[in-house]
Amino acid sequence: MKFTITACLIMGTKMSRYGSRTGNVSGTLYVPSLIKCLNMLEYIKRKLYGAKGIVKPLGTISNFKHGDVFLQTNSLDDILVMPTNSVDYIFTDPPFGANLNYSELNFIWESWLKVRTNVKPEAIINKVQNKSLLEYQQLMTECFEEYYRVLKPNRWMTVEFHNSQNSVWNAIQESLIRAGFIIADVRVLDKKQGSFKQVTTTSAVKQDLVISAYKPKESFKKEFLKKAGTEETVWDFVREHLDKLPVIVEKNGMLEKIREREPYLLYDRMVAYHIMNGIAVPIDASDFYSGLDERLIKRDGMYFLYDQINKYDNVRIKSELEPIQFNMFVDDEKSAIAWLYYQLEEPQTYAEIQPKFMKESNAAKHEKMPELAELLEENFLQDDKGKWYIPDPSKAGDIIKLREKRLLKEFEEYLVGKGRLKQFRTEAVRVGFARLWEDKDYKNIVKVGDRLPKSVIQEDDKLLMYYDIALSRLE
């Protein structure tokens, strides 16, 4: 009876809107200008016995055999009742930062039941509870660590997530990686029915993101730690990761590019896994990219294992499916280089590239974005007809090393200076942090990190990873 009445409480208040199919506005305590009066006895009866009432599903549940269903209500950061390596699959829809104040929204029925939510472990960004992004991230990490513990090795977890702030999105991704998961895919989920904020706010994200992550096999992790310090860890990780990724993805009758199979994301995932396991990254970016071409097969800008490529080629040959090009936002140096790699699959002159680049480029205020000519000089080659093209793997390594040398020279200026950095090359900071990490110079990572705007650290998953771990090593 308590369950039924609490299900009816909001509709029984002045928050029930007149002339609305949905009744109350979810996710907010809102009193409309036109209030609908309900016969509560009739409404409770409908809640119990209607087509979508409570009695029918309760009857179905009563038919379950003992042990078929396990229902638990407690904090996710402590589910010790569940054995380690016991769960086959996890779907989770965690709190989305500061989107909803869950415990506060429980106020009406908690007042009636005379109970209060223990808000201390509530994973939320909330000024009243003195919880910022850092506290939220720590709480989410503790929850994901429990998910990791109970999930069987080589099994998957799906995380549905929704937030318009990049900093919150990065916090979730880092929490997953810290817990030990490897992110394999990120997709958009269109739920059709929008929430109150999605419908009424122009800045709100209209669709949810779905993250697919897996727990690596125990044997892989043991071998990985056993080979620490050797280049084998790099290629063991890449093979393990590629083996988990889908080979073919279709969308609206077209082949979709699988971003996780692209060189930049493979490199980022490899680096992150080494760092989170406290292992030095044994090779630099130039050797990694040339190593991809030596060990794997490349198609449409993506890399495949030898036993995967036949499936991809067969679909490409037999069907009329064409690969989709991603709409890329050029807001910093890294995204600009990635955009140029897409454009220069067919060689082009500066005059051909420049108008398209200007149209797509929208650098952040803090970003000291190099000119297009400088990006081309540092990363690509030019033929005798003046067309820029992607270097061969044998030549690309030297170009990357030369570029990193220039970026490190710029980073040295950030090391010796004092005060806040108003403009800087984010890519120079990334390269500098990577070098300091190799040298185990955690103090200078934190020093430069403290000079950057807080929002930049929080919104860049790579910088956040280096900074957070370096900070923990100094404590």
Protein backbone atom coordinates (compact mmCIF):
# COMPACT_ATOMS: atom_id res chain seq x y z
CA MET A 1 0.00 0.00 0.00
CA LYS A 2 2.88 2.38 0.78
CA PHE A 3 4.38 1.58 -2.61
CA THR A 4 1.08 2.36 -4.35
CA ILE A 5 0.44 5.60 -2.49
CA THR A 6 3.99 6.93 -3.03
CA ALA A 7 3.49 6.22 -6.76
CA CYS A 8 0.42 8.51 -6.65
CA LEU A 9 1.72 11.29 -4.42
CA ILE A 10 3.05 13.75 -7.03
CA MET A 11 -0.13 13.50 -9.13
CA GLY A 12 -2.06 14.21 -5.93
CA THR A 13 -0.29 17.55 -5.41
CA LYS A 14 -0.65 20.95 -7.08
CA MET A 15 2.14 19.90 -9.48
CA SER A 16 -0.44 18.04 -11.62
CA ARG A 17 -1.02 20.15 -14.75
CA TYR A 18 -4.43 20.73 -16.32
CA GLY A 19 -4.73 19.66 -19.98
CA SER A 20 -1.47 17.72 -20.00
CA ARG A 21 -1.13 14.08 -20.99
CA THR A 22 1.93 13.63 -18.73
CA GLY A 23 0.39 15.22 -15.64
CA ASN A 24 3.41 16.48 -13.74
CA VAL A 25 6.76 17.72 -15.05
CA SER A 26 9.41 15.12 -14.23
CA GLY A 27 12.78 16.08 -12.81
CA THR A 28 11.60 19.27 -11.12
CA LEU A 29 9.35 20.44 -8.27
CA TYR A 30 7.08 22.65 -10.39
CA VAL A 31 3.64 24.15 -9.70
CA PRO A 32 1.90 25.03 -13.01
CA SER A 33 -0.42 27.99 -13.54
CA LEU A 34 -3.36 25.66 -14.34
CA ILE A 35 -3.81 22.85 -11.81
CA LYS A 36 -5.73 19.62 -12.42
CA CYS A 37 -7.80 18.18 -9.56
CA LEU A 38 -7.95 14.38 -9.36
CA ASN A 39 -10.25 11.96 -7.58
CA MET A 40 -7.44 10.25 -5.66
CA LEU A 41 -9.46 7.11 -4.84
CA GLU A 42 -10.12 6.54 -8.56
CA TYR A 43 -6.50 7.35 -9.40
CA ILE A 44 -5.17 4.84 -6.82
CA LYS A 45 -7.53 2.21 -8.25
CA ARG A 46 -6.14 2.87 -11.75
CA LYS A 47 -2.60 2.65 -10.41
CA LEU A 48 -3.38 -0.74 -8.91
CA TYR A 49 -5.53 -2.44 -11.56
CA GLY A 50 -5.08 -0.44 -14.81
CA ALA A 51 -3.33 -1.70 -17.97
CA LYS A 52 -0.09 -0.19 -16.67
CA GLY A 53 -0.95 -0.75 -13.01
CA ILE A 54 1.03 -2.33 -10.21
CA VAL A 55 -0.92 -5.58 -9.68
CA LYS A 56 -0.16 -7.10 -13.10
CA PRO A 57 3.67 -6.91 -12.92
CA LEU A 58 3.62 -7.98 -9.26
CA GLY A 59 1.69 -11.08 -10.36
CA THR A 60 4.34 -11.82 -13.00
CA ILE A 61 7.15 -11.39 -10.46
CA SER A 62 5.43 -13.80 -8.07
CA ASN A 63 5.77 -16.51 -10.75
CA PHE A 64 9.57 -16.24 -10.77
CA LYS A 65 11.45 -19.12 -9.23
CA HIS A 66 13.51 -18.50 -6.13
CA GLY A 67 16.88 -17.09 -7.18
CA ASP A 68 15.78 -15.95 -10.65
CA VAL A 69 15.69 -12.29 -9.64
CA PHE A 70 17.81 -10.45 -7.11
CA LEU A 71 16.68 -6.98 -6.04
CA GLN A 72 18.87 -4.83 -3.84
CA THR A 73 18.63 -1.25 -2.60
CA ASN A 74 21.87 0.11 -1.22
CA SER A 75 24.85 2.19 -2.26
CA LEU A 76 26.56 0.85 -5.37
CA ASP A 77 30.03 1.55 -3.98
CA ASP A 78 29.54 -1.39 -1.60
CA ILE A 79 27.78 -4.46 -3.03
CA LEU A 80 29.80 -7.05 -1.13
CA VAL A 81 26.82 -9.42 -1.12
CA MET A 82 27.62 -10.10 -4.80
CA PRO A 83 30.60 -12.41 -5.43
CA THR A 84 33.60 -11.31 -7.48
CA ASN A 85 33.53 -12.30 -11.19
CA SER A 86 29.87 -13.40 -10.98
CA VAL A 87 27.96 -11.13 -13.40
CA ASP A 88 27.61 -11.78 -17.15
CA TYR A 89 26.52 -8.33 -18.29
CA ILE A 90 25.86 -4.89 -16.77
CA PHE A 91 23.62 -2.10 -18.02
CA THR A 92 23.82 1.08 -15.95
CA ASP A 93 22.17 4.46 -16.19
CA PRO A 94 24.15 6.50 -13.61
CA PRO A 95 23.43 10.01 -12.28
CA PHE A 96 24.37 12.61 -14.91
CA GLY A 97 26.39 15.07 -12.82
CA ALA A 98 24.17 18.00 -11.85
CA ASN A 99 21.29 17.24 -14.26
CA LEU A 100 18.91 16.02 -11.54
CA ASN A 101 18.95 16.45 -7.75
CA TYR A 102 17.62 12.99 -6.97
CA SER A 103 17.49 13.05 -3.16
CA GLU A 104 15.86 16.50 -3.16
CA LEU A 105 13.22 15.33 -5.65
CA ASN A 106 12.32 12.53 -3.20
CA PHE A 107 11.22 15.15 -0.67
CA ILE A 108 7.44 14.68 -1.03
CA TRP A 109 7.19 10.93 -0.40
CA GLU A 110 10.12 10.90 2.03
CA SER A 111 8.21 13.44 4.16
CA TRP A 112 5.16 11.19 4.10
CA LEU A 113 7.15 8.01 4.85
CA LYS A 114 9.24 9.85 7.49
CA VAL A 115 12.56 8.64 6.05
CA ARG A 116 15.47 10.57 4.57
CA THR A 117 17.98 9.58 1.90
CA ASN A 118 21.56 9.29 3.12
CA VAL A 119 23.09 11.84 0.72
CA LYS A 120 26.72 11.24 1.70
CA PRO A 121 27.36 8.56 -0.97
CA GLU A 122 25.03 10.19 -3.54
CA ALA A 123 27.00 10.58 -6.79
CA ILE A 124 25.98 14.07 -7.83
CA ILE A 125 27.32 17.60 -8.40
CA ASN A 126 25.51 19.72 -5.83
CA LYS A 127 26.59 22.97 -4.12
CA VAL A 128 24.37 22.38 -1.08
CA GLN A 129 26.07 19.00 -0.49
CA ASN A 130 29.50 20.61 -1.21
CA LYS A 131 30.06 18.18 -4.08
CA SER A 132 31.97 19.47 -7.09
CA LEU A 133 33.05 17.61 -10.21
CA LEU A 134 35.98 16.07 -8.28
CA GLU A 135 33.73 14.55 -5.59
CA TYR A 136 31.31 13.30 -8.25
CA GLN A 137 34.15 11.68 -10.18
CA GLN A 138 35.53 9.99 -7.08
CA LEU A 139 32.10 8.58 -6.14
CA MET A 140 31.54 7.34 -9.71
CA THR A 141 35.00 5.71 -9.71
CA GLU A 142 34.15 3.81 -6.53
CA CYS A 143 30.91 2.58 -8.15
CA PHE A 144 32.65 1.51 -11.37
CA GLU A 145 35.29 -0.31 -9.31
CA GLU A 146 32.49 -2.43 -7.80
CA TYR A 147 31.05 -3.04 -11.26
CA TYR A 148 34.52 -4.14 -12.39
CA ARG A 149 34.88 -6.47 -9.40
CA VAL A 150 31.59 -8.32 -9.91
CA LEU A 151 31.70 -8.48 -13.74
CA LYS A 152 33.21 -11.64 -15.23
CA PRO A 153 36.45 -11.18 -17.20
CA ASN A 154 36.00 -10.72 -20.96
CA ARG A 155 32.41 -9.51 -20.43
CA TRP A 156 30.75 -6.18 -21.19
CA MET A 157 29.14 -3.20 -19.50
CA THR A 158 26.88 -0.64 -21.19
CA VAL A 159 26.74 2.85 -19.68
CA GLU A 160 23.98 5.21 -20.77
CA PHE A 161 25.03 8.79 -20.16
CA HIS A 162 23.63 12.24 -20.81
CA ASN A 163 25.30 15.59 -20.12
CA SER A 164 25.95 18.77 -22.08
CA GLN A 165 29.24 19.51 -20.28
CA ASN A 166 32.41 18.01 -21.72
CA SER A 167 34.07 18.09 -18.28
CA VAL A 168 31.40 15.75 -16.83
CA TRP A 169 31.68 13.45 -19.87
CA ASN A 170 35.48 13.27 -19.37
CA ALA A 171 35.02 12.58 -15.65
CA ILE A 172 32.85 9.53 -16.48
CA GLN A 173 35.34 8.26 -19.06
CA GLU A 174 38.26 8.61 -16.65
CA SER A 175 36.28 6.90 -13.87
CA LEU A 176 35.72 3.93 -16.19
CA ILE A 177 39.41 3.73 -17.12
CA ARG A 178 40.55 4.13 -13.50
CA ALA A 179 38.29 1.25 -12.49
CA GLY A 180 40.03 -0.96 -15.06
CA PHE A 181 37.52 -0.96 -17.93
CA ILE A 182 38.56 -0.45 -21.55
CA ILE A 183 36.18 1.71 -23.59
CA ALA A 184 35.40 0.07 -26.92
CA ASP A 185 32.62 2.16 -28.42
CA VAL A 186 30.59 5.34 -27.92
CA ARG A 187 27.28 5.77 -29.76
CA VAL A 188 24.25 8.04 -29.76
CA LEU A 189 20.95 6.73 -28.41
CA ASP A 190 17.86 8.55 -29.64
CA LYS A 191 15.13 7.90 -27.07
CA LYS A 192 12.56 9.85 -29.19
CA GLN A 193 10.76 11.08 -26.04
CA GLY A 194 12.67 14.10 -24.72
CA SER A 195 12.98 15.02 -21.05
CA PHE A 196 11.70 18.35 -19.65
CA LYS A 197 15.15 19.98 -20.00
CA GLN A 198 15.76 18.51 -23.47
CA VAL A 199 12.48 19.89 -24.76
CA THR A 200 12.58 23.33 -23.12
CA THR A 201 16.31 24.22 -23.12
CA THR A 202 18.15 25.09 -26.33
CA SER A 203 21.57 24.23 -24.84
CA ALA A 204 20.49 20.78 -23.64
CA VAL A 205 21.88 17.67 -25.32
CA LYS A 206 18.94 16.07 -27.15
CA GLN A 207 20.27 12.51 -27.19
CA ASP A 208 21.98 10.17 -24.76
CA LEU A 209 25.38 8.61 -25.29
CA VAL A 210 25.90 4.88 -24.87
CA ILE A 211 29.37 3.72 -23.82
CA SER A 212 30.37 0.10 -24.36
CA ALA A 213 33.26 -1.01 -22.15
CA TYR A 214 34.73 -4.41 -21.32
CA LYS A 215 36.70 -6.02 -18.54
CA PRO A 216 39.86 -7.59 -20.02
CA LYS A 217 40.66 -11.27 -19.52
CA GLU A 218 42.64 -12.13 -16.38
CA SER A 219 45.26 -13.90 -18.52
CA PHE A 220 45.73 -10.76 -20.63
CA LYS A 221 46.21 -8.53 -17.60
CA LYS A 222 48.71 -10.92 -16.00
CA GLU A 223 50.75 -11.14 -19.21
CA PHE A 224 50.52 -7.37 -19.64
CA LEU A 225 51.97 -6.69 -16.18
CA LYS A 226 54.53 -9.47 -16.64
CA LYS A 227 55.86 -7.83 -19.82
CA ALA A 228 55.96 -4.32 -18.32
CA GLY A 229 58.82 -2.26 -19.73
CA THR A 230 58.85 -4.02 -23.10
CA GLU A 231 57.28 -3.00 -26.41
CA GLU A 232 55.23 -6.21 -26.38
CA THR A 233 52.70 -4.63 -24.00
CA VAL A 234 51.79 -2.09 -26.70
CA TRP A 235 50.97 -4.61 -29.42
CA ASP A 236 49.36 -7.08 -26.99
CA PHE A 237 46.97 -4.31 -25.95
CA VAL A 238 46.23 -3.24 -29.55
CA ARG A 239 45.46 -6.82 -30.63
CA GLU A 240 43.28 -7.44 -27.57
CA HIS A 241 41.42 -4.18 -28.14
CA LEU A 242 40.88 -4.67 -31.89
CA ASP A 243 39.61 -8.18 -31.23
CA LYS A 244 36.81 -6.71 -29.08
CA LEU A 245 35.72 -4.03 -31.57
CA PRO A 246 32.96 -4.55 -34.14
CA VAL A 247 34.17 -5.21 -37.69
CA ILE A 248 31.10 -3.92 -39.58
CA VAL A 249 28.71 -1.18 -38.45
CA GLU A 250 25.88 -0.05 -40.71
CA LYS A 251 23.81 3.11 -40.29
CA ASN A 252 21.05 4.28 -42.63
CA GLY A 253 22.27 1.98 -45.40
CA MET A 254 25.86 3.15 -45.12
CA LEU A 255 29.02 1.77 -43.55
CA GLU A 256 29.92 3.76 -40.47
CA LYS A 257 33.55 4.44 -39.64
CA ILE A 258 34.51 2.84 -36.34
CA ARG A 259 36.46 5.56 -34.55
CA GLU A 260 38.05 3.16 -32.08
CA ARG A 261 39.85 1.54 -35.03
CA GLU A 262 41.49 4.81 -36.09
CA PRO A 263 45.18 5.38 -35.24
CA TYR A 264 44.75 8.38 -32.92
CA LEU A 265 42.19 6.68 -30.67
CA LEU A 266 44.16 3.40 -30.65
CA TYR A 267 47.18 5.37 -29.44
CA ASP A 268 45.17 7.23 -26.77
CA ARG A 269 43.63 4.00 -25.45
CA MET A 270 47.02 2.27 -25.37
CA VAL A 271 48.66 5.16 -23.48
CA ALA A 272 45.76 5.41 -20.99
CA TYR A 273 45.88 1.68 -20.19
CA HIS A 274 49.62 1.80 -19.52
CA ILE A 275 49.36 4.86 -17.30
CA MET A 276 46.38 3.58 -15.31
CA ASN A 277 48.35 0.39 -14.60
CA GLY A 278 51.38 2.41 -13.50
CA ILE A 279 53.51 1.27 -16.45
CA ALA A 280 55.72 3.52 -18.58
CA VAL A 281 54.67 3.78 -22.23
CA PRO A 282 57.54 1.98 -24.05
CA ILE A 283 57.26 3.68 -27.48
CA ASP A 284 56.48 7.16 -28.81
CA ALA A 285 53.71 8.17 -31.21
CA SER A 286 55.84 7.98 -34.37
CA ASP A 287 56.96 4.40 -33.67
CA PHE A 288 53.39 3.46 -32.76
CA TYR A 289 51.89 4.74 -36.02
CA SER A 290 54.56 3.09 -38.17
CA GLY A 291 54.15 -0.12 -36.11
CA LEU A 292 50.42 -0.19 -36.90
CA ASP A 293 51.17 -0.35 -40.63
CA GLU A 294 53.78 -3.09 -40.13
CA ARG A 295 51.60 -5.36 -37.98
CA LEU A 296 48.00 -4.72 -39.07
CA ILE A 297 45.88 -4.17 -42.18
CA LYS A 298 44.49 -0.72 -42.95
CA ARG A 299 41.19 -0.04 -44.71
CA ASP A 300 39.37 3.32 -45.02
CA GLY A 301 41.59 4.84 -42.31
CA MET A 302 40.85 1.98 -39.85
CA TYR A 303 43.03 -0.92 -38.66
CA PHE A 304 42.01 -4.59 -38.58
CA LEU A 305 43.49 -7.90 -37.45
CA TYR A 306 44.32 -10.36 -40.23
CA ASP A 307 41.40 -12.65 -39.31
CA GLN A 308 38.95 -9.68 -39.40
CA ILE A 309 39.80 -8.08 -42.74
CA ASN A 310 38.06 -10.67 -44.98
CA LYS A 311 34.71 -9.94 -43.35
CA TYR A 312 35.13 -6.18 -43.89
CA ASP A 313 36.37 -6.55 -47.48
CA ASN A 314 33.54 -8.91 -48.42
CA VAL A 315 30.89 -6.46 -47.23
CA ARG A 316 32.61 -3.53 -48.99
CA ILE A 317 32.90 -5.45 -52.28
CA LYS A 318 29.51 -7.20 -52.35
CA SER A 319 27.39 -4.29 -51.18
CA GLU A 320 26.86 -0.73 -52.25
CA LEU A 321 27.61 0.51 -48.76
CA GLU A 322 29.97 3.48 -48.63
CA PRO A 323 31.92 4.62 -45.55
CA ILE A 324 30.54 7.58 -43.65
CA GLN A 325 32.85 10.51 -42.98
CA PHE A 326 32.57 11.88 -39.46
CA ASN A 327 31.55 15.48 -38.97
CA MET A 328 34.60 16.64 -37.05
CA PHE A 329 34.78 19.81 -34.94
CA VAL A 330 38.13 21.55 -35.44
CA ASP A 331 38.58 23.27 -32.08
CA ASP A 332 42.23 22.53 -31.27
CA GLU A 333 45.47 21.37 -32.87
CA LYS A 334 44.82 17.65 -32.45
CA SER A 335 41.37 17.77 -34.06
CA ALA A 336 42.78 19.97 -36.85
CA ILE A 337 45.43 17.35 -37.69
CA ALA A 338 42.84 14.55 -37.59
CA TRP A 339 40.61 16.61 -39.93
CA LEU A 340 43.52 17.12 -42.34
CA TYR A 341 44.22 13.37 -42.38
CA TYR A 342 40.65 12.82 -43.58
CA GLN A 343 40.87 15.57 -46.19
CA LEU A 344 44.24 14.51 -47.57
CA GLU A 345 43.30 10.94 -48.37
CA GLU A 346 43.20 12.61 -51.80
CA PRO A 347 46.17 15.05 -52.20
CA GLN A 348 45.14 18.72 -52.33
CA THR A 349 46.81 22.09 -52.76
CA TYR A 350 46.81 24.74 -50.02
CA ALA A 351 44.27 26.75 -52.04
CA GLU A 352 41.89 23.77 -52.11
CA ILE A 353 42.19 22.98 -48.39
CA GLN A 354 42.19 26.52 -46.95
CA PRO A 355 38.50 27.52 -47.56
CA LYS A 356 37.25 24.21 -46.09
CA PHE A 357 39.59 24.54 -43.10
CA MET A 358 38.40 28.10 -42.35
CA LYS A 359 34.79 26.91 -42.48
CA GLU A 360 35.38 24.10 -39.94
CA SER A 361 37.90 25.84 -37.66
CA ASN A 362 36.57 27.26 -34.40
CA ALA A 363 39.40 27.26 -31.86
CA ALA A 364 38.74 27.72 -28.14
CA LYS A 365 39.74 31.08 -26.62
CA HIS A 366 42.70 29.60 -24.73
CA GLU A 367 43.96 27.64 -27.76
CA LYS A 368 47.07 29.01 -29.51
CA MET A 369 46.10 27.42 -32.82
CA PRO A 370 48.91 27.21 -35.42
CA GLU A 371 48.19 28.51 -38.91
CA LEU A 372 47.12 26.00 -41.55
CA ALA A 373 50.44 26.39 -43.39
CA GLU A 374 52.31 25.49 -40.18
CA LEU A 375 50.13 22.43 -39.55
CA LEU A 376 50.78 21.21 -43.09
CA GLU A 377 54.55 21.81 -42.83
CA GLU A 378 54.81 19.96 -39.51
CA ASN A 379 52.66 16.94 -40.35
CA PHE A 380 52.45 16.36 -44.12
CA LEU A 381 54.52 16.30 -47.31
CA GLN A 382 54.16 18.27 -50.55
CA ASP A 383 54.67 16.89 -54.06
CA ASP A 384 56.17 18.69 -57.07
CA LYS A 385 52.70 19.89 -58.13
CA GLY A 386 52.22 21.68 -54.79
CA LYS A 387 49.72 19.15 -53.45
CA TRP A 388 49.88 18.11 -49.80
CA TYR A 389 49.61 14.42 -49.00
CA ILE A 390 49.84 11.96 -46.08
CA PRO A 391 53.43 10.72 -45.64
CA ASP A 392 54.41 7.08 -46.12
CA PRO A 393 54.89 5.19 -42.83
CA SER A 394 58.66 5.11 -43.43
CA LYS A 395 58.77 8.94 -43.60
CA ALA A 396 55.98 9.75 -41.13
CA GLY A 397 58.10 8.77 -38.12
CA ASP A 398 60.70 11.46 -38.81
CA ILE A 399 58.01 14.10 -39.32
CA ILE A 400 56.29 13.22 -36.02
CA LYS A 401 59.62 13.32 -34.15
CA LEU A 402 60.46 16.71 -35.66
CA ARG A 403 57.01 18.03 -34.73
CA GLU A 404 57.28 16.73 -31.16
CA LYS A 405 60.69 18.39 -30.85
CA ARG A 406 59.11 21.75 -31.77
CA LEU A 407 56.21 21.19 -29.37
CA LEU A 408 58.58 20.29 -26.51
CA LYS A 409 60.51 23.51 -27.14
CA GLU A 410 57.27 25.45 -26.74
CA PHE A 411 56.38 23.43 -23.61
CA GLU A 412 59.69 24.44 -21.99
CA GLU A 413 58.40 28.03 -21.96
CA TYR A 414 55.40 26.90 -19.91
CA LEU A 415 57.74 25.19 -17.43
CA VAL A 416 59.85 28.25 -16.63
CA GLY A 417 57.05 30.81 -16.53
CA LYS A 418 54.80 31.77 -13.62
CA GLY A 419 51.14 32.69 -13.27
CA ARG A 420 48.14 31.58 -15.30
CA LEU A 421 48.58 30.69 -18.97
CA LYS A 422 46.01 32.60 -21.01
CA GLN A 423 46.99 31.20 -24.41
CA PHE A 424 48.93 28.04 -25.18
CA ARG A 425 49.13 25.08 -27.55
CA THR A 426 47.19 22.26 -25.91
CA GLU A 427 49.06 19.76 -28.08
CA ALA A 428 52.38 21.09 -26.69
CA VAL A 429 51.07 20.50 -23.16
CA ARG A 430 50.01 16.93 -24.07
CA VAL A 431 53.44 16.14 -25.53
CA GLY A 432 55.16 17.80 -22.57
CA PHE A 433 53.11 15.87 -20.01
CA ALA A 434 53.92 12.61 -21.82
CA ARG A 435 57.65 13.38 -21.68
CA LEU A 436 57.52 14.38 -17.99
CA TRP A 437 55.60 11.16 -17.27
CA GLU A 438 58.37 9.11 -18.89
CA ASP A 439 60.88 10.93 -16.68
CA LYS A 440 58.63 10.40 -13.62
CA ASP A 441 58.68 14.18 -13.12
CA TYR A 442 55.25 14.38 -11.49
CA LYS A 443 56.04 17.68 -9.76
CA ASN A 444 56.36 19.60 -13.03
CA ILE A 445 53.20 18.00 -14.46
CA VAL A 446 51.28 19.40 -11.49
CA LYS A 447 53.15 22.73 -11.75
CA VAL A 448 52.15 23.30 -15.38
CA GLY A 449 48.68 21.84 -14.76
CA ASP A 450 48.09 24.44 -12.04
CA ARG A 451 48.98 27.19 -14.54
CA LEU A 452 46.27 26.06 -16.97
CA PRO A 453 42.63 27.15 -16.67
CA LYS A 454 40.76 24.60 -14.55
CA SER A 455 38.16 24.09 -17.30
CA VAL A 456 40.86 23.06 -19.80
CA ILE A 457 42.19 20.30 -17.51
CA GLN A 458 38.68 19.03 -16.75
CA GLU A 459 37.58 19.02 -20.40
CA ASP A 460 40.64 17.26 -21.86
CA ASP A 461 40.65 13.58 -20.92
CA LYS A 462 44.37 13.12 -21.67
CA LEU A 463 45.55 16.13 -19.62
CA LEU A 464 43.19 15.19 -16.78
CA MET A 465 44.59 11.66 -16.67
CA TYR A 466 48.23 12.83 -16.44
CA TYR A 467 47.44 15.59 -13.93
CA ASP A 468 45.27 13.52 -11.58
CA ILE A 469 47.70 10.60 -11.39
CA ALA A 470 50.73 12.91 -11.00
CA LEU A 471 48.91 14.69 -8.16
CA SER A 472 48.18 11.38 -6.41
CA ARG A 473 51.88 10.37 -6.72
CA LEU A 474 52.93 13.54 -4.90
CA GLU A 475 50.50 13.08 -1.99
